[in-house]
Amino acid sequence: MAATTYLEAGTIRETRPLDTLRFSVLVRVTHWLNTISFVALVVSGFGILLAHPRFYWGETGGLGTPSIFDLPLPFMIGGPSGWGRYMHFQAAWLCVLTGLLYAISGLMSQHFRKNLWPAKGQLSWSSLRSEFWNHLRFKKPATEEAYSYNVLQRLSYLAVVFFLFPLMIWTGMAMSPAVTSVFPFFVRSSGGYETARTIHFFAANLLVLFVLLHVAMVCLAGFVQRTRAMITGRVSGGRVRP
């Protein structure tokens, strides 16, 4: 007769999912609203760019005047710039309002200090070099990184929130005749309308690069899991329970 082996209940181990709250409702809502507005801004911005793919420095510039650089794009005067400007204006205000809500909430809740400000030791040369090298090799992040940000993420997010986005807003205001007619300091502080347009273009390209790298790292870490976390707010992990 075959022997029967009994195991004590305390020796049975099983792996059960552990859900951890990672993102608040406000962070998730502003994230997806900014995603929608950013896509609309890129599409409409490209339409506006096709109307005049030349850039200048100073207050004025146009056809027949020297430019600082030209993009290899065809002129489409009277093309998509009409609907592009309307969409750009609407999407920009959506982005500004949701961004302000996120920034104010992050400052009041100390989200930036607790979750984005680099921890002690993360700014060392060895730590920065290690993270940078891992990103260059597209190394898959460790499981525990789903619960916190590494130093490159922290620095890039802080740069986007407190430098690139404010710069985009400021130069965007400087290019709006309705705004500068009431608040001329926007265009004066930017060095002129054409200077603001040129700075706006380069800042936009840096934001697009940031988003592409962000999406690439999300795909590398697990697109479905990370996207689900930004929708539900929870990160699913695993642990062994006795």
Protein backbone atom coordinates (compact mmCIF):
# COMPACT_ATOMS: atom_id res chain seq x y z
CA MET A 1 0.00 0.00 0.00
CA ALA A 2 1.42 3.34 -1.01
CA ALA A 3 2.56 5.53 1.82
CA THR A 4 0.79 8.85 2.26
CA THR A 5 2.80 11.90 3.16
CA TYR A 6 1.21 14.64 5.22
CA LEU A 7 2.64 18.15 5.37
CA GLU A 8 1.98 20.46 8.26
CA ALA A 9 -0.03 23.52 7.37
CA GLY A 10 2.83 25.76 8.44
CA THR A 11 5.15 24.28 5.83
CA ILE A 12 2.89 24.98 2.86
CA ARG A 13 4.03 28.06 0.95
CA GLU A 14 2.16 29.80 -1.81
CA THR A 15 2.67 32.88 -3.86
CA ARG A 16 -0.16 35.35 -3.80
CA PRO A 17 -0.36 38.68 -5.56
CA LEU A 18 0.27 41.72 -3.41
CA ASP A 19 -1.38 44.92 -4.63
CA THR A 20 0.27 48.15 -3.54
CA LEU A 21 -1.22 51.60 -4.08
CA ARG A 22 1.31 53.41 -6.27
CA PHE A 23 -0.48 56.33 -7.94
CA SER A 24 -3.20 58.55 -6.50
CA VAL A 25 -6.39 59.36 -8.40
CA LEU A 26 -5.20 62.90 -9.12
CA VAL A 27 -1.86 61.70 -10.53
CA ARG A 28 -3.63 59.20 -12.80
CA VAL A 29 -6.25 61.65 -14.05
CA THR A 30 -3.74 64.42 -14.77
CA HIS A 31 -1.37 61.90 -16.40
CA TRP A 32 -3.96 60.76 -18.95
CA LEU A 33 -5.35 64.25 -19.56
CA ASN A 34 -1.82 65.47 -20.22
CA THR A 35 -1.25 62.50 -22.52
CA ILE A 36 -4.30 63.43 -24.61
CA SER A 37 -3.39 67.12 -24.69
CA PHE A 38 0.26 66.36 -25.54
CA VAL A 39 -0.71 64.22 -28.56
CA ALA A 40 -3.03 67.00 -29.75
CA LEU A 41 -0.27 69.58 -29.24
CA VAL A 42 2.25 67.58 -31.24
CA VAL A 43 -0.15 66.96 -34.13
CA SER A 44 -1.40 70.55 -34.27
CA GLY A 45 2.09 71.94 -33.72
CA PHE A 46 3.37 70.02 -36.73
CA GLY A 47 0.50 71.42 -38.78
CA ILE A 48 1.44 74.95 -37.71
CA LEU A 49 5.10 74.24 -38.48
CA LEU A 50 4.30 73.25 -42.06
CA ALA A 51 2.93 76.73 -42.70
CA HIS A 52 6.39 78.24 -42.11
CA PRO A 53 9.26 75.81 -41.36
CA ARG A 54 11.84 78.56 -40.80
CA PHE A 55 13.13 80.00 -37.55
CA TYR A 56 14.45 83.43 -36.64
CA TRP A 57 15.86 85.29 -33.66
CA GLY A 58 14.52 88.56 -32.34
CA GLU A 59 11.21 90.31 -32.76
CA THR A 60 10.40 89.82 -36.44
CA GLY A 61 11.10 87.39 -39.26
CA GLY A 62 9.45 86.12 -42.40
CA LEU A 63 9.84 85.38 -46.07
CA GLY A 64 12.62 87.45 -47.58
CA THR A 65 14.46 87.90 -44.28
CA PRO A 66 17.46 85.83 -43.14
CA SER A 67 16.68 82.88 -40.88
CA ILE A 68 18.94 81.13 -38.37
CA PHE A 69 17.93 77.69 -39.71
CA ASP A 70 15.39 76.11 -42.05
CA LEU A 71 13.74 72.73 -41.69
CA PRO A 72 13.69 70.48 -44.79
CA LEU A 73 9.90 70.64 -44.98
CA PRO A 74 7.68 71.98 -47.76
CA PHE A 75 5.87 75.28 -47.25
CA MET A 76 2.13 74.77 -46.95
CA ILE A 77 0.88 78.35 -46.64
CA GLY A 78 -2.82 78.32 -45.82
CA GLY A 79 -2.68 74.56 -45.25
CA PRO A 80 -3.24 72.84 -41.90
CA SER A 81 -2.27 75.87 -39.80
CA GLY A 82 -5.89 77.04 -39.49
CA TRP A 83 -7.27 74.03 -37.66
CA GLY A 84 -3.81 73.46 -36.18
CA ARG A 85 -3.82 76.78 -34.33
CA TYR A 86 -7.33 76.22 -33.01
CA MET A 87 -6.49 72.70 -31.76
CA HIS A 88 -3.16 73.90 -30.36
CA PHE A 89 -4.86 76.66 -28.38
CA GLN A 90 -7.49 74.33 -26.89
CA ALA A 91 -5.03 71.53 -26.09
CA ALA A 92 -2.55 73.98 -24.58
CA TRP A 93 -5.06 75.26 -22.03
CA LEU A 94 -6.04 71.71 -21.10
CA CYS A 95 -2.36 70.90 -20.59
CA VAL A 96 -1.74 74.08 -18.56
CA LEU A 97 -4.71 73.59 -16.25
CA THR A 98 -4.04 69.90 -15.57
CA GLY A 99 -0.33 70.64 -15.14
CA LEU A 100 -1.04 73.38 -12.60
CA LEU A 101 -3.39 71.07 -10.71
CA TYR A 102 -0.72 68.36 -10.61
CA ALA A 103 2.03 70.80 -9.58
CA ILE A 104 0.00 72.46 -6.81
CA SER A 105 -1.19 69.11 -5.47
CA GLY A 106 2.34 67.70 -5.64
CA LEU A 107 3.73 70.63 -3.66
CA MET A 108 0.98 70.55 -1.04
CA SER A 109 1.15 66.77 -0.56
CA GLN A 110 4.99 66.81 -0.71
CA HIS A 111 4.81 64.31 -3.57
CA PHE A 112 7.83 65.88 -5.26
CA ARG A 113 9.94 65.83 -2.11
CA LYS A 114 8.97 62.29 -1.09
CA ASN A 115 8.86 60.55 -4.48
CA LEU A 116 10.86 62.62 -6.97
CA TRP A 117 13.60 64.42 -5.06
CA PRO A 118 16.76 62.26 -5.34
CA ALA A 119 17.53 60.33 -2.19
CA LYS A 120 20.82 60.72 -0.35
CA GLY A 121 23.52 58.89 -2.27
CA GLN A 122 21.60 58.70 -5.56
CA LEU A 123 23.44 61.73 -6.94
CA SER A 124 26.85 60.12 -6.57
CA TRP A 125 28.83 59.67 -9.76
CA SER A 126 28.80 55.88 -9.47
CA SER A 127 25.01 55.78 -9.07
CA LEU A 128 24.40 58.14 -11.99
CA ARG A 129 26.85 56.27 -14.20
CA SER A 130 25.27 52.91 -13.36
CA GLU A 131 21.72 54.09 -14.12
CA PHE A 132 22.81 55.85 -17.30
CA TRP A 133 24.61 52.74 -18.53
CA ASN A 134 21.58 50.57 -17.76
CA HIS A 135 19.38 52.91 -19.79
CA LEU A 136 21.81 52.91 -22.72
CA ARG A 137 21.72 49.10 -22.77
CA PHE A 138 17.93 49.12 -22.34
CA LYS A 139 18.35 46.87 -19.33
CA LYS A 140 15.03 45.70 -17.93
CA PRO A 141 14.35 47.44 -14.59
CA ALA A 142 14.36 45.39 -11.42
CA THR A 143 11.00 44.39 -9.94
CA GLU A 144 11.34 46.75 -6.99
CA GLU A 145 11.61 49.75 -9.35
CA ALA A 146 7.87 49.41 -9.96
CA TYR A 147 7.41 50.85 -6.47
CA SER A 148 9.76 53.83 -6.76
CA TYR A 149 11.71 55.96 -9.26
CA ASN A 150 15.38 55.59 -10.06
CA VAL A 151 17.63 58.64 -10.04
CA LEU A 152 17.41 59.32 -13.80
CA GLN A 153 13.63 59.18 -13.67
CA ARG A 154 13.58 61.56 -10.72
CA LEU A 155 15.88 64.08 -12.38
CA SER A 156 14.12 63.94 -15.75
CA TYR A 157 10.63 64.26 -14.22
CA LEU A 158 11.71 67.23 -12.12
CA ALA A 159 13.30 68.88 -15.19
CA VAL A 160 10.11 68.38 -17.21
CA VAL A 161 7.74 69.59 -14.47
CA PHE A 162 9.76 72.58 -13.25
CA PHE A 163 11.71 73.64 -16.36
CA LEU A 164 10.49 72.38 -19.72
CA PHE A 165 6.75 72.75 -19.16
CA PRO A 166 7.05 76.26 -17.62
CA LEU A 167 9.34 77.23 -20.52
CA MET A 168 6.78 75.94 -23.03
CA ILE A 169 3.99 77.85 -21.30
CA TRP A 170 6.00 81.07 -21.08
CA THR A 171 7.09 81.07 -24.72
CA GLY A 172 3.61 80.00 -25.80
CA MET A 173 2.16 83.03 -24.02
CA ALA A 174 4.78 85.19 -25.74
CA MET A 175 3.53 84.03 -29.15
CA SER A 176 -0.12 84.83 -28.44
CA PRO A 177 -1.11 88.35 -29.62
CA ALA A 178 -4.17 88.28 -27.34
CA VAL A 179 -1.98 87.60 -24.30
CA THR A 180 0.90 89.93 -25.15
CA SER A 181 -1.47 92.81 -25.86
CA VAL A 182 -2.41 92.70 -22.18
CA PHE A 183 0.80 91.22 -20.71
CA PRO A 184 3.66 92.38 -22.96
CA PHE A 185 6.30 91.23 -20.46
CA PHE A 186 5.90 87.68 -21.80
CA VAL A 187 7.34 88.59 -25.20
CA ARG A 188 9.82 91.13 -23.83
CA SER A 189 11.29 88.63 -21.37
CA SER A 190 11.53 86.02 -24.15
CA GLY A 191 13.63 88.29 -26.37
CA GLY A 192 10.98 88.85 -29.02
CA TYR A 193 8.26 86.91 -30.80
CA GLU A 194 10.59 84.98 -33.10
CA THR A 195 12.99 84.15 -30.29
CA ALA A 196 10.08 82.77 -28.28
CA ARG A 197 9.01 80.68 -31.28
CA THR A 198 12.51 79.24 -31.71
CA ILE A 199 12.88 78.42 -28.00
CA HIS A 200 9.37 76.90 -28.05
CA PHE A 201 10.41 74.63 -30.93
CA PHE A 202 13.52 73.29 -29.18
CA ALA A 203 11.70 72.80 -25.86
CA ALA A 204 8.95 70.90 -27.70
CA ASN A 205 11.54 68.60 -29.26
CA LEU A 206 13.04 67.85 -25.85
CA LEU A 207 9.57 66.99 -24.52
CA VAL A 208 8.92 64.68 -27.47
CA LEU A 209 12.27 62.98 -26.85
CA PHE A 210 11.40 62.57 -23.17
CA VAL A 211 8.02 61.01 -24.02
CA LEU A 212 9.59 58.59 -26.53
CA LEU A 213 12.17 57.46 -23.97
CA HIS A 214 9.47 57.21 -21.32
CA VAL A 215 7.32 54.97 -23.53
CA ALA A 216 10.36 52.86 -24.48
CA MET A 217 11.22 52.26 -20.82
CA VAL A 218 7.59 51.45 -20.02
CA CYS A 219 7.59 48.85 -22.81
CA LEU A 220 10.86 47.43 -21.52
CA ALA A 221 9.58 47.17 -17.95
CA GLY A 222 6.28 45.63 -19.03
CA PHE A 223 3.84 47.77 -20.98
CA VAL A 224 0.65 46.01 -19.85
CA GLN A 225 1.59 45.97 -16.16
CA ARG A 226 2.81 49.57 -16.04
CA THR A 227 -0.15 50.89 -18.05
CA ARG A 228 -2.58 48.99 -15.85
CA ALA A 229 -0.89 50.50 -12.79
CA MET A 230 -1.42 54.00 -14.16
CA ILE A 231 -5.10 53.18 -14.74
CA THR A 232 -5.90 51.35 -11.48
CA GLY A 233 -3.27 53.05 -9.33
CA ARG A 234 -2.00 49.73 -7.99
CA VAL A 235 1.15 47.75 -8.70
CA SER A 236 0.83 44.00 -8.54
CA GLY A 237 3.80 42.20 -7.10
CA GLY A 238 4.32 38.81 -5.58
CA ARG A 239 5.41 37.46 -2.23
CA VAL A 240 5.74 34.10 -0.61
CA ARG A 241 3.55 33.54 2.38
CA PRO A 242 4.03 30.67 4.84
